[in-house]
N, C-alpha and C. Protein backbone atom coordinates (compact mmCIF):
# COMPACT_ATOMS: atom_id res chain seq x y z
N MET A 1 3.46 -11.10 -23.07
CA MET A 1 4.37 -11.41 -22.23
C MET A 1 4.40 -10.49 -21.39
N LEU A 2 4.78 -10.81 -19.87
CA LEU A 2 4.87 -9.50 -18.92
C LEU A 2 6.06 -9.62 -18.15
N VAL A 3 6.96 -8.63 -18.21
CA VAL A 3 8.50 -8.50 -17.83
C VAL A 3 8.52 -7.46 -17.35
N LEU A 4 8.69 -8.44 -16.08
CA LEU A 4 9.11 -7.17 -14.46
C LEU A 4 10.55 -7.03 -14.63
N ARG A 5 11.06 -5.29 -14.37
CA ARG A 5 12.05 -5.24 -14.24
C ARG A 5 12.29 -4.77 -13.07
N PHE A 6 13.01 -4.59 -12.25
CA PHE A 6 13.37 -4.23 -10.78
C PHE A 6 14.98 -4.18 -10.68
N CYS A 7 15.08 -3.53 -11.48
CA CYS A 7 16.85 -3.12 -11.66
C CYS A 7 16.85 -2.22 -10.65
N GLY A 8 18.23 -2.67 -9.40
CA GLY A 8 18.69 -1.53 -8.67
C GLY A 8 17.78 -1.40 -7.52
N MET A 9 16.91 -2.59 -7.31
CA MET A 9 16.23 -2.30 -6.05
C MET A 9 17.26 -2.73 -4.73
N ALA A 10 16.75 -1.68 -3.96
CA ALA A 10 17.91 -1.88 -2.55
C ALA A 10 17.12 -3.28 -1.53
N GLU A 11 15.73 -3.71 -1.53
CA GLU A 11 14.96 -4.67 -0.93
C GLU A 11 14.47 -5.81 -1.83
N PRO A 12 15.13 -7.34 -1.20
CA PRO A 12 13.72 -8.06 -2.52
C PRO A 12 12.55 -7.80 -2.66
N LEU A 13 11.70 -8.28 -3.15
CA LEU A 13 10.21 -8.22 -3.84
C LEU A 13 9.41 -8.17 -1.99
N PRO A 14 9.44 -9.46 -1.43
CA PRO A 14 8.86 -9.91 -0.39
C PRO A 14 9.17 -8.56 0.91
N VAL A 15 10.28 -8.44 0.68
CA VAL A 15 10.54 -7.64 1.98
C VAL A 15 10.15 -6.04 1.40
N LEU A 16 9.94 -5.46 0.16
CA LEU A 16 9.29 -4.46 -0.18
C LEU A 16 8.00 -4.37 0.07
N VAL A 17 7.47 -5.43 -0.37
CA VAL A 17 6.20 -5.67 -0.36
C VAL A 17 5.45 -5.64 1.41
N GLU A 18 6.53 -6.19 1.86
CA GLU A 18 6.00 -6.15 3.41
C GLU A 18 5.86 -4.93 3.90
N SER A 19 7.26 -4.04 3.67
CA SER A 19 7.66 -2.92 4.39
C SER A 19 6.82 -1.98 3.87
N SER A 20 5.93 -1.65 2.72
CA SER A 20 5.15 -0.97 2.07
C SER A 20 3.90 -1.06 3.06
N LEU A 21 3.56 -2.22 2.97
CA LEU A 21 2.73 -2.60 3.62
C LEU A 21 2.19 -2.49 5.26
N GLN A 22 3.01 -2.46 5.97
CA GLN A 22 2.91 -2.23 7.26
C GLN A 22 3.15 -0.67 7.39
N ILE A 23 3.90 0.05 6.54
CA ILE A 23 4.01 1.67 6.64
C ILE A 23 2.68 2.04 6.32
N ALA A 24 1.74 1.67 5.73
CA ALA A 24 0.36 1.98 5.03
C ALA A 24 -0.57 1.53 6.50
N TRP A 25 -0.63 0.34 6.82
CA TRP A 25 -1.01 -0.51 7.81
C TRP A 25 -1.01 0.54 9.13
N ASP A 26 0.34 0.43 9.67
CA ASP A 26 0.62 1.48 10.80
C ASP A 26 0.12 2.79 10.81
N PHE A 27 0.39 3.41 9.66
CA PHE A 27 -0.33 4.99 9.61
C PHE A 27 -2.14 4.71 9.75
N LEU A 28 -2.65 4.06 8.96
CA LEU A 28 -4.21 4.07 8.81
C LEU A 28 -4.59 3.80 10.23
N GLY A 29 -3.87 2.69 10.97
CA GLY A 29 -4.35 2.04 12.36
C GLY A 29 -4.07 3.56 13.36
N SER A 30 -3.23 4.29 13.10
CA SER A 30 -2.71 5.20 14.29
C SER A 30 -4.29 6.81 14.17
N VAL A 31 -4.46 6.54 12.66
CA VAL A 31 -5.72 7.86 12.77
C VAL A 31 -6.76 6.52 12.56
N GLY A 32 -7.24 5.65 13.25
CA GLY A 32 -7.91 5.49 13.19
C GLY A 32 -9.25 4.74 11.73
N GLU A 33 -8.39 4.56 10.73
CA GLU A 33 -8.96 4.49 9.35
C GLU A 33 -9.35 3.09 8.86
N ILE A 34 -8.75 2.10 10.13
CA ILE A 34 -9.53 0.75 9.58
C ILE A 34 -10.37 0.29 10.09
N ALA A 35 -11.56 0.38 9.21
CA ALA A 35 -12.89 -0.18 9.73
C ALA A 35 -12.83 -1.67 9.86
N ASP A 36 -12.74 -2.35 8.62
CA ASP A 36 -12.58 -3.70 8.51
C ASP A 36 -11.06 -4.35 8.09
N PRO A 37 -10.64 -4.83 9.03
CA PRO A 37 -9.09 -5.10 9.02
C PRO A 37 -8.59 -6.09 7.77
N GLN A 38 -9.40 -7.02 8.14
CA GLN A 38 -9.24 -7.91 6.59
C GLN A 38 -9.48 -7.33 5.15
N GLN A 39 -10.41 -6.46 4.59
CA GLN A 39 -10.66 -5.82 3.67
C GLN A 39 -9.78 -4.72 3.21
N THR A 40 -9.12 -4.10 4.87
CA THR A 40 -8.41 -3.10 4.20
C THR A 40 -6.80 -3.46 3.82
N ALA A 41 -6.58 -4.69 4.73
CA ALA A 41 -5.28 -5.40 4.39
C ALA A 41 -5.11 -5.51 2.77
N GLU A 42 -6.12 -6.44 2.38
CA GLU A 42 -6.41 -7.08 1.07
C GLU A 42 -6.50 -5.71 0.35
N PHE A 43 -7.09 -4.84 0.20
CA PHE A 43 -7.07 -3.59 -0.63
C PHE A 43 -5.69 -3.11 -0.41
N LEU A 44 -4.91 -2.68 0.71
CA LEU A 44 -3.76 -2.17 0.57
C LEU A 44 -2.62 -3.48 0.01
N LEU A 45 -2.80 -4.12 -0.15
CA LEU A 45 -2.01 -5.34 -0.95
C LEU A 45 -2.06 -5.37 -1.97
N ARG A 46 -3.24 -5.30 -2.69
CA ARG A 46 -3.55 -5.39 -3.96
C ARG A 46 -3.34 -3.76 -4.81
N SER A 47 -3.21 -2.67 -3.91
CA SER A 47 -2.65 -1.49 -4.63
C SER A 47 -1.41 -1.47 -4.65
N ILE A 48 -0.49 -2.04 -3.67
CA ILE A 48 0.88 -2.00 -3.78
C ILE A 48 1.34 -3.37 -4.88
N GLN A 49 0.99 -4.30 -4.79
CA GLN A 49 0.85 -5.67 -6.05
C GLN A 49 0.88 -4.62 -7.57
N SER A 50 0.02 -3.59 -7.50
CA SER A 50 -0.47 -3.49 -8.96
C SER A 50 0.86 -2.35 -8.92
N GLN A 51 1.04 -1.38 -8.05
CA GLN A 51 1.81 -0.38 -8.37
C GLN A 51 3.16 -0.94 -8.86
N MET A 52 3.37 -2.14 -8.42
CA MET A 52 4.74 -2.94 -8.45
C MET A 52 4.84 -3.12 -9.61
N LEU A 53 3.81 -4.01 -10.62
CA LEU A 53 3.83 -4.30 -11.48
C LEU A 53 3.75 -3.32 -12.55
N ARG A 54 3.59 -2.16 -12.11
CA ARG A 54 3.71 -0.51 -13.51
C ARG A 54 5.14 -0.27 -12.76
N GLY A 55 6.07 -0.73 -12.08
CA GLY A 55 7.57 -0.67 -11.80
C GLY A 55 8.03 0.32 -10.83
N GLU A 56 6.93 0.56 -9.76
CA GLU A 56 7.59 1.46 -8.38
C GLU A 56 8.02 0.77 -7.92
N THR A 57 9.23 0.71 -6.80
CA THR A 57 9.68 0.17 -6.38
C THR A 57 10.40 1.11 -4.60
N ARG A 58 9.97 2.37 -4.88
CA ARG A 58 10.30 2.97 -3.65
C ARG A 58 9.31 2.59 -2.57
N THR A 59 9.39 2.37 -1.45
CA THR A 59 9.25 1.79 -0.50
C THR A 59 7.97 2.57 -0.11
N LEU A 60 8.35 4.10 0.21
CA LEU A 60 7.05 5.55 0.67
C LEU A 60 6.31 5.41 -0.34
N MET A 61 6.99 5.63 -1.39
CA MET A 61 5.97 5.86 -2.88
C MET A 61 4.63 4.62 -2.26
N LEU A 62 5.09 3.81 -2.65
CA LEU A 62 3.99 2.46 -2.72
C LEU A 62 3.16 2.84 -1.57
N SER A 63 3.49 2.90 -0.22
CA SER A 63 2.61 3.35 0.89
C SER A 63 1.74 4.06 0.70
N ASN A 64 2.58 5.13 0.43
CA ASN A 64 1.63 6.37 0.13
C ASN A 64 0.67 6.50 -0.66
N ARG A 65 0.69 5.81 -1.56
CA ARG A 65 -0.23 5.82 -2.84
C ARG A 65 -1.31 4.49 -2.60
N ALA A 66 -0.97 3.69 -1.77
CA ALA A 66 -1.99 2.57 -1.37
C ALA A 66 -2.78 3.49 -0.22
N ILE A 67 -2.29 4.16 0.59
CA ILE A 67 -2.76 4.99 1.84
C ILE A 67 -3.97 6.25 0.80
N ASP A 68 -3.38 6.74 -0.31
CA ASP A 68 -4.27 7.76 -0.97
C ASP A 68 -5.45 6.78 -1.16
N ALA A 69 -5.46 5.78 -2.02
CA ALA A 69 -6.29 4.89 -2.57
C ALA A 69 -7.28 4.49 -1.99
N HIS A 70 -6.57 4.00 -0.80
CA HIS A 70 -7.87 3.55 0.13
C HIS A 70 -8.69 4.76 0.64
N ARG A 71 -8.15 6.25 1.14
CA ARG A 71 -8.66 6.91 1.42
C ARG A 71 -10.07 7.68 0.39
N ARG A 72 -9.73 7.42 -1.02
CA ARG A 72 -10.67 7.60 -1.97
C ARG A 72 -11.56 6.83 -2.00
N ARG A 73 -11.25 5.54 -1.54
CA ARG A 73 -12.47 4.34 -1.48
C ARG A 73 -13.09 4.00 -0.48
N CYS A 74 -12.80 5.03 0.54
CA CYS A 74 -13.49 4.74 2.35
C CYS A 74 -13.20 6.08 2.70
N PRO A 75 -13.80 7.19 2.24
CA PRO A 75 -13.80 8.59 2.66
C PRO A 75 -13.62 8.55 4.18
N LEU A 76 -12.95 9.34 4.63
CA LEU A 76 -13.60 9.53 6.31
C LEU A 76 -14.68 10.45 6.34
N GLN A 77 -15.50 9.65 7.34
CA GLN A 77 -16.89 10.40 7.89
C GLN A 77 -16.21 11.43 9.21
N LEU A 78 -16.72 12.33 8.99
CA LEU A 78 -16.24 13.08 10.54
C LEU A 78 -17.63 13.50 11.41
N VAL A 79 -17.83 13.03 12.19
CA VAL A 79 -19.06 13.56 13.39
C VAL A 79 -18.58 14.73 13.78
N LEU A 80 -19.58 15.71 14.16
CA LEU A 80 -19.56 16.82 14.92
C LEU A 80 -20.25 16.90 16.00
């Protein structure tokens, strides 16, 4: 049985997910790392949701880890 414990959270779950996703999306967009918007959004959302299931509730930690996971999945190709 899965028990979610989110004691002491400052934001309700939907707001936490939305805020974390928006931060990650804005950052990746500002540095030009969104090649496929649909795939990127789905990947970031899955990353944030899986972190929350493991108990993470800090907005910036959720977004930063999602960004890191996205970058590991889709390394930036530099053209010189």
